[in-house]
């Protein structure tokens, strides 16, 4: 089978594949493209040794940067800076003035970035300091508020304690006064028979009865009745005699003795009838 049979020509003279051999044509085109790619890779493959002694085999330059080359080599990928490239590649791909200018620009950008970062860090530090100062001020205000509240609570507690103490003292004073008043009134009522009968002839007997038997109520009633009972005539007479002032001392009777040379009366030192002791009748 000839090629003319597989690819008949059209009216313009271009060979056109038959419908049955279309896939053969596509396979052949793919093989040709692959062969061309392999040839191109083999022709463009480089072996690069840097100034530091590092070697990269079968290298293909994938990107040219302003100050470096990016390559794909047999073992992977790498980025080689301008100063580490061989002199031939430096002259082929780079201009030293442009590289220096680019690096100066990069350095300037880096300095500006560093300055911006430093300014940002300083601003952040200042903001942190301001926030810390505000937090400290808020903490101090909270502490002062807490201390003020505690002082108010203590003052309120002291006031409440003083009020409770005052109320308790008032209650105790009132209770004590009431107790003393009740005690005095009780004593007055208890010794009422003795008070009523204090001028009677038998006042001491009434007091003894009232003191020892007044708590039995019967003894108190008896003492009260006794104190309220009027004394008899004999008791009144005896009390009157006992209350009478004592009589003046008796005067001795004069005695006349016929003594020579003495004409005046003589006093008799013997006791008279008025000196006899008196008895109640």
Foldseek 3Di string as FASTA:
>chain_A
DDPCVQFPADPVGDTHGDPVCPVVVVVVVVVVVVVVVVVVLVVQFDWWAWPVGDIFGRWDFDDDDQFWTWIAGDVGIDIGGLNGGDPVVNVVRYDVVSSVVVVVVVVVVVVVVVVVVVVVVVVVVVVVVVVVVVVVVVVVVVVVVVVVVVVVVVVVVVVVVVVVVVVVVVVVVVVVVVVVVVVVVVVCLLCVLLVLQVPFLCSVVLNVLSVPPSVVVVSVVVSNVVSPDDDDPLRVVVSVVVPDDDDDDDDFDWDDDPDPPDDDTDGDPDDDPVPDDDDRD
